[in-house]
Amino acid sequence: MSKICEVCGKRPAAGNSVSHSKQTTRRWWKPNIQKVRAIMTDGTVRRVKVCTKCLKSGKIKRAI
Protein backbone atom coordinates (compact mmCIF):
# COMPACT_ATOMS: atom_id res chain seq x y z
CA MET A 1 0.00 0.00 0.00
CA SER A 2 1.29 3.41 -0.98
CA LYS A 3 2.10 5.83 1.84
CA ILE A 4 2.16 8.94 -0.36
CA CYS A 5 -0.23 11.89 -0.12
CA GLU A 6 -2.11 12.24 -3.42
CA VAL A 7 -2.45 16.03 -2.95
CA CYS A 8 0.98 17.28 -1.87
CA GLY A 9 3.14 14.23 -2.60
CA LYS A 10 4.44 13.90 0.96
CA ARG A 11 6.23 10.57 1.48
CA PRO A 12 8.21 8.81 4.22
CA ALA A 13 11.62 10.34 4.91
CA ALA A 14 14.67 8.48 6.23
CA GLY A 15 17.40 9.76 8.49
CA ASN A 16 19.35 9.18 11.66
CA SER A 17 18.11 9.12 15.24
CA VAL A 18 20.89 10.79 17.21
CA SER A 19 21.29 10.08 20.93
CA HIS A 20 22.88 12.35 23.52
CA SER A 21 26.19 10.48 23.07
CA LYS A 22 25.97 11.11 19.27
CA GLN A 23 25.34 7.42 18.53
CA THR A 24 23.23 7.17 15.36
CA THR A 25 20.67 4.61 14.26
CA ARG A 26 18.55 4.69 11.10
CA ARG A 27 14.89 5.67 11.41
CA TRP A 28 11.85 6.74 9.35
CA TRP A 29 9.49 9.71 9.61
CA LYS A 30 6.12 8.62 8.22
CA PRO A 31 3.37 11.06 7.22
CA ASN A 32 -0.08 10.68 8.77
CA ILE A 33 -1.96 9.36 5.72
CA GLN A 34 -5.74 8.92 5.90
CA LYS A 35 -8.14 7.34 3.39
CA VAL A 36 -11.00 9.78 2.87
CA ARG A 37 -13.90 10.17 0.45
CA ALA A 38 -13.32 13.47 -1.33
CA ILE A 39 -15.16 15.56 -3.90
CA MET A 40 -12.96 16.00 -6.99
CA THR A 41 -12.85 19.14 -9.16
CA ASP A 42 -15.25 17.59 -11.69
CA GLY A 43 -17.81 16.88 -8.91
CA THR A 44 -17.28 13.12 -8.60
CA VAL A 45 -16.68 11.41 -5.25
CA ARG A 46 -13.51 9.34 -4.97
CA ARG A 47 -11.55 7.66 -2.18
CA VAL A 48 -8.07 9.23 -1.90
CA LYS A 49 -5.09 8.95 0.44
CA VAL A 50 -4.39 12.37 1.95
CA CYS A 51 -2.10 13.58 4.74
CA THR A 52 -3.74 15.29 7.70
CA LYS A 53 -1.97 18.58 6.92
CA CYS A 54 -3.80 18.79 3.56
CA LEU A 55 -7.10 17.92 5.25
CA LYS A 56 -6.62 20.57 7.93
CA SER A 57 -5.58 23.30 5.49
CA GLY A 58 -8.62 22.69 3.28
CA LYS A 59 -6.75 21.63 0.15
CA ILE A 60 -9.34 18.89 -0.35
CA LYS A 61 -13.12 18.86 0.18
CA ARG A 62 -14.44 15.86 2.10
CA ALA A 63 -17.61 14.11 0.97
CA ILE A 64 -19.91 13.34 3.88
PDB file of N, CA and C in Angstrom:
ATOM      1  N   MET A   1       0.835  -1.179   0.000  1.00  0.00           N
ATOM      2  CA  MET A   1       0.000   0.000   0.000  1.00  0.00           C
ATOM      3  C   MET A   1       0.881   1.245   0.000  1.00  0.00           C
ATOM      4  N   SER A   2       0.522   2.185  -0.840  1.00  0.00           N
ATOM      5  CA  SER A   2       1.292   3.410  -0.985  1.00  0.00           C
ATOM      6  C   SER A   2       1.098   4.321   0.223  1.00  0.00           C
ATOM      7  N   LYS A   3       2.162   4.902   0.712  1.00  0.00           N
ATOM      8  CA  LYS A   3       2.103   5.827   1.840  1.00  0.00           C
ATOM      9  C   LYS A   3       2.460   7.235   1.371  1.00  0.00           C
ATOM     10  N   ILE A   4       1.873   7.637   0.234  1.00  0.00           N
ATOM     11  CA  ILE A   4       2.163   8.940  -0.358  1.00  0.00           C
ATOM     12  C   ILE A   4       0.871   9.744  -0.422  1.00  0.00           C
ATOM     13  N   CYS A   5       0.933  11.000  -0.041  1.00  0.00           N
ATOM     14  CA  CYS A   5      -0.227  11.885  -0.119  1.00  0.00           C
ATOM     15  C   CYS A   5      -0.496  12.202  -1.583  1.00  0.00           C
ATOM     16  N   GLU A   6      -1.754  12.016  -2.025  1.00  0.00           N
ATOM     17  CA  GLU A   6      -2.107  12.243  -3.416  1.00  0.00           C
ATOM     18  C   GLU A   6      -2.291  13.721  -3.737  1.00  0.00           C
ATOM     19  N   VAL A   7      -2.284  14.590  -2.721  1.00  0.00           N
ATOM     20  CA  VAL A   7      -2.450  16.025  -2.952  1.00  0.00           C
ATOM     21  C   VAL A   7      -1.093  16.721  -3.001  1.00  0.00           C
ATOM     22  N   CYS A   8      -0.286  16.555  -1.952  1.00  0.00           N
ATOM     23  CA  CYS A   8       0.985  17.283  -1.875  1.00  0.00           C
ATOM     24  C   CYS A   8       2.197  16.422  -2.201  1.00  0.00           C
ATOM     25  N   GLY A   9       2.017  15.102  -2.259  1.00  0.00           N
ATOM     26  CA  GLY A   9       3.138  14.225  -2.599  1.00  0.00           C
ATOM     27  C   GLY A   9       4.065  13.918  -1.443  1.00  0.00           C
ATOM     28  N   LYS A  10       3.607  14.183  -0.222  1.00  0.00           N
ATOM     29  CA  LYS A  10       4.438  13.902   0.958  1.00  0.00           C
ATOM     30  C   LYS A  10       4.648  12.401   1.081  1.00  0.00           C
ATOM     31  N   ARG A  11       5.878  11.982   1.373  1.00  0.00           N
ATOM     32  CA  ARG A  11       6.229  10.572   1.476  1.00  0.00           C
ATOM     33  C   ARG A  11       7.118  10.340   2.680  1.00  0.00           C
ATOM     34  N   PRO A  12       7.323   9.074   3.080  1.00  0.00           N
ATOM     35  CA  PRO A  12       8.208   8.812   4.220  1.00  0.00           C
ATOM     36  C   PRO A  12       9.632   9.303   3.955  1.00  0.00           C
ATOM     37  N   ALA A  13      10.250   9.837   4.998  1.00  0.00           N
ATOM     38  CA  ALA A  13      11.620  10.340   4.909  1.00  0.00           C
ATOM     39  C   ALA A  13      12.505   9.531   5.850  1.00  0.00           C
ATOM     40  N   ALA A  14      13.726   9.252   5.420  1.00  0.00           N
ATOM     41  CA  ALA A  14      14.666   8.481   6.227  1.00  0.00           C
ATOM     42  C   ALA A  14      15.756   9.397   6.769  1.00  0.00           C
ATOM     43  N   GLY A  15      16.323   8.984   7.899  1.00  0.00           N
ATOM     44  CA  GLY A  15      17.402   9.761   8.494  1.00  0.00           C
ATOM     45  C   GLY A  15      17.991   9.032   9.683  1.00  0.00           C
ATOM     46  N   ASN A  16      18.712   9.759  10.494  1.00  0.00           N
ATOM     47  CA  ASN A  16      19.349   9.180  11.660  1.00  0.00           C
ATOM     48  C   ASN A  16      18.688   9.674  12.931  1.00  0.00           C
ATOM     49  N   SER A  17      18.514   8.763  13.891  1.00  0.00           N
ATOM     50  CA  SER A  17      18.108   9.122  15.235  1.00  0.00           C
ATOM     51  C   SER A  17      19.400   9.283  16.026  1.00  0.00           C
ATOM     52  N   VAL A  18      19.624  10.483  16.550  1.00  0.00           N
ATOM     53  CA  VAL A  18      20.892  10.791  17.210  1.00  0.00           C
ATOM     54  C   VAL A  18      20.679  10.887  18.710  1.00  0.00           C
ATOM     55  N   SER A  19      21.402  10.061  19.476  1.00  0.00           N
ATOM     56  CA  SER A  19      21.287  10.076  20.935  1.00  0.00           C
ATOM     57  C   SER A  19      22.165  11.185  21.521  1.00  0.00           C
ATOM     58  N   HIS A  20      22.077  11.326  22.831  1.00  0.00           N
ATOM     59  CA  HIS A  20      22.875  12.345  23.517  1.00  0.00           C
ATOM     60  C   HIS A  20      24.370  12.100  23.346  1.00  0.00           C
ATOM     61  N   SER A  21      24.773  10.821  23.250  1.00  0.00           N
ATOM     62  CA  SER A  21      26.192  10.481  23.073  1.00  0.00           C
ATOM     63  C   SER A  21      26.601  10.478  21.600  1.00  0.00           C
ATOM     64  N   LYS A  22      25.730  11.001  20.723  1.00  0.00           N
ATOM     65  CA  LYS A  22      25.966  11.112  19.273  1.00  0.00           C
ATOM     66  C   LYS A  22      25.991   9.764  18.563  1.00  0.00           C
ATOM     67  N   GLN A  23      25.450   8.713  19.198  1.00  0.00           N
ATOM     68  CA  GLN A  23      25.338   7.421  18.527  1.00  0.00           C
ATOM     69  C   GLN A  23      24.134   7.495  17.589  1.00  0.00           C
ATOM     70  N   THR A  24      24.310   7.046  16.334  1.00  0.00           N
ATOM     71  CA  THR A  24      23.231   7.170  15.356  1.00  0.00           C
ATOM     72  C   THR A  24      22.664   5.806  14.967  1.00  0.00           C
ATOM     73  N   THR A  25      21.358   5.772  14.791  1.00  0.00           N
ATOM     74  CA  THR A  25      20.670   4.609  14.255  1.00  0.00           C
ATOM     75  C   THR A  25      19.690   5.113  13.207  1.00  0.00           C
ATOM     76  N   ARG A  26      19.433   4.299  12.180  1.00  0.00           N
ATOM     77  CA  ARG A  26      18.546   4.688  11.098  1.00  0.00           C
ATOM     78  C   ARG A  26      17.090   4.680  11.571  1.00  0.00           C
ATOM     79  N   ARG A  27      16.297   5.615  11.065  1.00  0.00           N
ATOM     80  CA  ARG A  27      14.890   5.674  11.412  1.00  0.00           C
ATOM     81  C   ARG A  27      14.095   6.300  10.268  1.00  0.00           C
ATOM     82  N   TRP A  28      12.756   6.201  10.364  1.00  0.00           N
ATOM     83  CA  TRP A  28      11.853   6.743   9.351  1.00  0.00           C
ATOM     84  C   TRP A  28      10.886   7.731   9.984  1.00  0.00           C
ATOM     85  N   TRP A  29      10.560   8.793   9.258  1.00  0.00           N
ATOM     86  CA  TRP A  29       9.494   9.713   9.615  1.00  0.00           C
ATOM     87  C   TRP A  29       8.372   9.469   8.617  1.00  0.00           C
ATOM     88  N   LYS A  30       7.227   8.977   9.110  1.00  0.00           N
ATOM     89  CA  LYS A  30       6.125   8.619   8.220  1.00  0.00           C
ATOM     90  C   LYS A  30       5.019   9.663   8.321  1.00  0.00           C
ATOM     91  N   PRO A  31       4.471  10.102   7.180  1.00  0.00           N
ATOM     92  CA  PRO A  31       3.366  11.059   7.224  1.00  0.00           C
ATOM     93  C   PRO A  31       2.085  10.395   7.700  1.00  0.00           C
ATOM     94  N   ASN A  32       1.200  11.175   8.275  1.00  0.00           N
ATOM     95  CA  ASN A  32      -0.078  10.676   8.772  1.00  0.00           C
ATOM     96  C   ASN A  32      -1.063  10.653   7.601  1.00  0.00           C
ATOM     97  N   ILE A  33      -1.121   9.517   6.899  1.00  0.00           N
ATOM     98  CA  ILE A  33      -1.959   9.356   5.718  1.00  0.00           C
ATOM     99  C   ILE A  33      -3.305   8.761   6.121  1.00  0.00           C
ATOM    100  N   GLN A  34      -4.390   9.386   5.637  1.00  0.00           N
ATOM    101  CA  GLN A  34      -5.744   8.919   5.903  1.00  0.00           C
ATOM    102  C   GLN A  34      -6.448   8.657   4.579  1.00  0.00           C
ATOM    103  N   LYS A  35      -7.284   7.597   4.548  1.00  0.00           N
ATOM    104  CA  LYS A  35      -8.136   7.337   3.385  1.00  0.00           C
ATOM    105  C   LYS A  35      -9.447   8.068   3.603  1.00  0.00           C
ATOM    106  N   VAL A  36      -9.770   9.020   2.735  1.00  0.00           N
ATOM    107  CA  VAL A  36     -11.000   9.782   2.874  1.00  0.00           C
ATOM    108  C   VAL A  36     -11.757   9.797   1.547  1.00  0.00           C
ATOM    109  N   ARG A  37     -13.085   9.962   1.645  1.00  0.00           N
ATOM    110  CA  ARG A  37     -13.897  10.170   0.454  1.00  0.00           C
ATOM    111  C   ARG A  37     -13.900  11.659   0.184  1.00  0.00           C
ATOM    112  N   ALA A  38     -13.459  12.056  -1.015  1.00  0.00           N
ATOM    113  CA  ALA A  38     -13.316  13.469  -1.335  1.00  0.00           C
ATOM    114  C   ALA A  38     -14.065  13.805  -2.612  1.00  0.00           C
ATOM    115  N   ILE A  39     -14.512  15.058  -2.695  1.00  0.00           N
ATOM    116  CA  ILE A  39     -15.156  15.559  -3.901  1.00  0.00           C
ATOM    117  C   ILE A  39     -14.060  16.113  -4.809  1.00  0.00           C
ATOM    118  N   MET A  40     -13.973  15.564  -6.023  1.00  0.00           N
ATOM    119  CA  MET A  40     -12.964  15.999  -6.986  1.00  0.00           C
ATOM    120  C   MET A  40     -13.410  17.294  -7.670  1.00  0.00           C
ATOM    121  N   THR A  41     -12.538  17.873  -8.491  1.00  0.00           N
ATOM    122  CA  THR A  41     -12.846  19.142  -9.156  1.00  0.00           C
ATOM    123  C   THR A  41     -13.990  19.002 -10.155  1.00  0.00           C
ATOM    124  N   ASP A  42     -14.162  17.794 -10.731  1.00  0.00           N
ATOM    125  CA  ASP A  42     -15.254  17.589 -11.687  1.00  0.00           C
ATOM    126  C   ASP A  42     -16.561  17.202 -10.995  1.00  0.00           C
ATOM    127  N   GLY A  43     -16.594  17.152  -9.659  1.00  0.00           N
ATOM    128  CA  GLY A  43     -17.805  16.879  -8.907  1.00  0.00           C
ATOM    129  C   GLY A  43     -18.009  15.428  -8.513  1.00  0.00           C
ATOM    130  N   THR A  44     -17.146  14.523  -8.951  1.00  0.00           N
ATOM    131  CA  THR A  44     -17.282  13.117  -8.595  1.00  0.00           C
ATOM    132  C   THR A  44     -16.702  12.865  -7.213  1.00  0.00           C
ATOM    133  N   VAL A  45     -17.181  11.799  -6.568  1.00  0.00           N
ATOM    134  CA  VAL A  45     -16.681  11.414  -5.250  1.00  0.00           C
ATOM    135  C   VAL A  45     -15.723  10.255  -5.433  1.00  0.00           C
ATOM    136  N   ARG A  46     -14.535  10.358  -4.833  1.00  0.00           N
ATOM    137  CA  ARG A  46     -13.509   9.336  -4.974  1.00  0.00           C
ATOM    138  C   ARG A  46     -12.800   9.149  -3.648  1.00  0.00           C
ATOM    139  N   ARG A  47     -12.321   7.936  -3.391  1.00  0.00           N
ATOM    140  CA  ARG A  47     -11.550   7.662  -2.178  1.00  0.00           C
ATOM    141  C   ARG A  47     -10.074   7.947  -2.475  1.00  0.00           C
ATOM    142  N   VAL A  48      -9.465   8.836  -1.691  1.00  0.00           N
ATOM    143  CA  VAL A  48      -8.074   9.232  -1.900  1.00  0.00           C
ATOM    144  C   VAL A  48      -7.302   9.102  -0.592  1.00  0.00           C
ATOM    145  N   LYS A  49      -5.978   8.979  -0.719  1.00  0.00           N
ATOM    146  CA  LYS A  49      -5.091   8.950   0.441  1.00  0.00           C
ATOM    147  C   LYS A  49      -4.479  10.344   0.587  1.00  0.00           C
ATOM    148  N   VAL A  50      -4.778  10.985   1.733  1.00  0.00           N
ATOM    149  CA  VAL A  50      -4.392  12.368   1.948  1.00  0.00           C
ATOM    150  C   VAL A  50      -3.746  12.499   3.317  1.00  0.00           C
ATOM    151  N   CYS A  51      -2.710  13.332   3.427  1.00  0.00           N
ATOM    152  CA  CYS A  51      -2.100  13.578   4.737  1.00  0.00           C
ATOM    153  C   CYS A  51      -2.989  14.536   5.525  1.00  0.00           C
ATOM    154  N   THR A  52      -2.877  14.495   6.839  1.00  0.00           N
ATOM    155  CA  THR A  52      -3.743  15.292   7.697  1.00  0.00           C
ATOM    156  C   THR A  52      -3.465  16.794   7.553  1.00  0.00           C
ATOM    157  N   LYS A  53      -2.279  17.165   7.129  1.00  0.00           N
ATOM    158  CA  LYS A  53      -1.968  18.579   6.920  1.00  0.00           C
ATOM    159  C   LYS A  53      -2.791  19.145   5.768  1.00  0.00           C
ATOM    160  N   CYS A  54      -2.969  18.356   4.696  1.00  0.00           N
ATOM    161  CA  CYS A  54      -3.796  18.791   3.564  1.00  0.00           C
ATOM    162  C   CYS A  54      -5.268  18.851   3.955  1.00  0.00           C
ATOM    163  N   LEU A  55      -5.715  17.897   4.779  1.00  0.00           N
ATOM    164  CA  LEU A  55      -7.098  17.915   5.251  1.00  0.00           C
ATOM    165  C   LEU A  55      -7.368  19.149   6.117  1.00  0.00           C
ATOM    166  N   LYS A  56      -6.440  19.455   7.007  1.00  0.00           N
ATOM    167  CA  LYS A  56      -6.618  20.568   7.930  1.00  0.00           C
ATOM    168  C   LYS A  56      -6.575  21.913   7.214  1.00  0.00           C
ATOM    169  N   SER A  57      -5.728  22.035   6.196  1.00  0.00           N
ATOM    170  CA  SER A  57      -5.578  23.304   5.488  1.00  0.00           C
ATOM    171  C   SER A  57      -6.683  23.545   4.469  1.00  0.00           C
ATOM    172  N   GLY A  58      -7.518  22.520   4.205  1.00  0.00           N
ATOM    173  CA  GLY A  58      -8.624  22.693   3.285  1.00  0.00           C
ATOM    174  C   GLY A  58      -8.260  22.535   1.819  1.00  0.00           C
ATOM    175  N   LYS A  59      -7.155  21.852   1.540  1.00  0.00           N
ATOM    176  CA  LYS A  59      -6.747  21.632   0.152  1.00  0.00           C
ATOM    177  C   LYS A  59      -7.660  20.640  -0.548  1.00  0.00           C
ATOM    178  N   ILE A  60      -8.437  19.889   0.224  1.00  0.00           N
ATOM    179  CA  ILE A  60      -9.340  18.893  -0.352  1.00  0.00           C
ATOM    180  C   ILE A  60     -10.675  18.985   0.371  1.00  0.00           C
ATOM    181  N   LYS A  61     -11.763  18.788  -0.364  1.00  0.00           N
ATOM    182  CA  LYS A  61     -13.117  18.862   0.181  1.00  0.00           C
ATOM    183  C   LYS A  61     -13.617  17.470   0.462  1.00  0.00           C
ATOM    184  N   ARG A  62     -13.956  17.173   1.722  1.00  0.00           N
ATOM    185  CA  ARG A  62     -14.443  15.857   2.103  1.00  0.00           C
ATOM    186  C   ARG A  62     -15.900  15.684   1.715  1.00  0.00           C
ATOM    187  N   ALA A  63     -16.226  14.462   1.271  1.00  0.00           N
ATOM    188  CA  ALA A  63     -17.615  14.113   0.967  1.00  0.00           C
ATOM    189  C   ALA A  63     -18.192  13.419   2.191  1.00  0.00           C
ATOM    190  N   ILE A  64     -19.304  13.914   2.678  1.00  0.00           N
ATOM    191  CA  ILE A  64     -19.912  13.336   3.882  1.00  0.00           C
ATOM    192  C   ILE A  64     -21.192  12.620   3.542  1.00  0.00           C
TER     193      ILE A  64
END
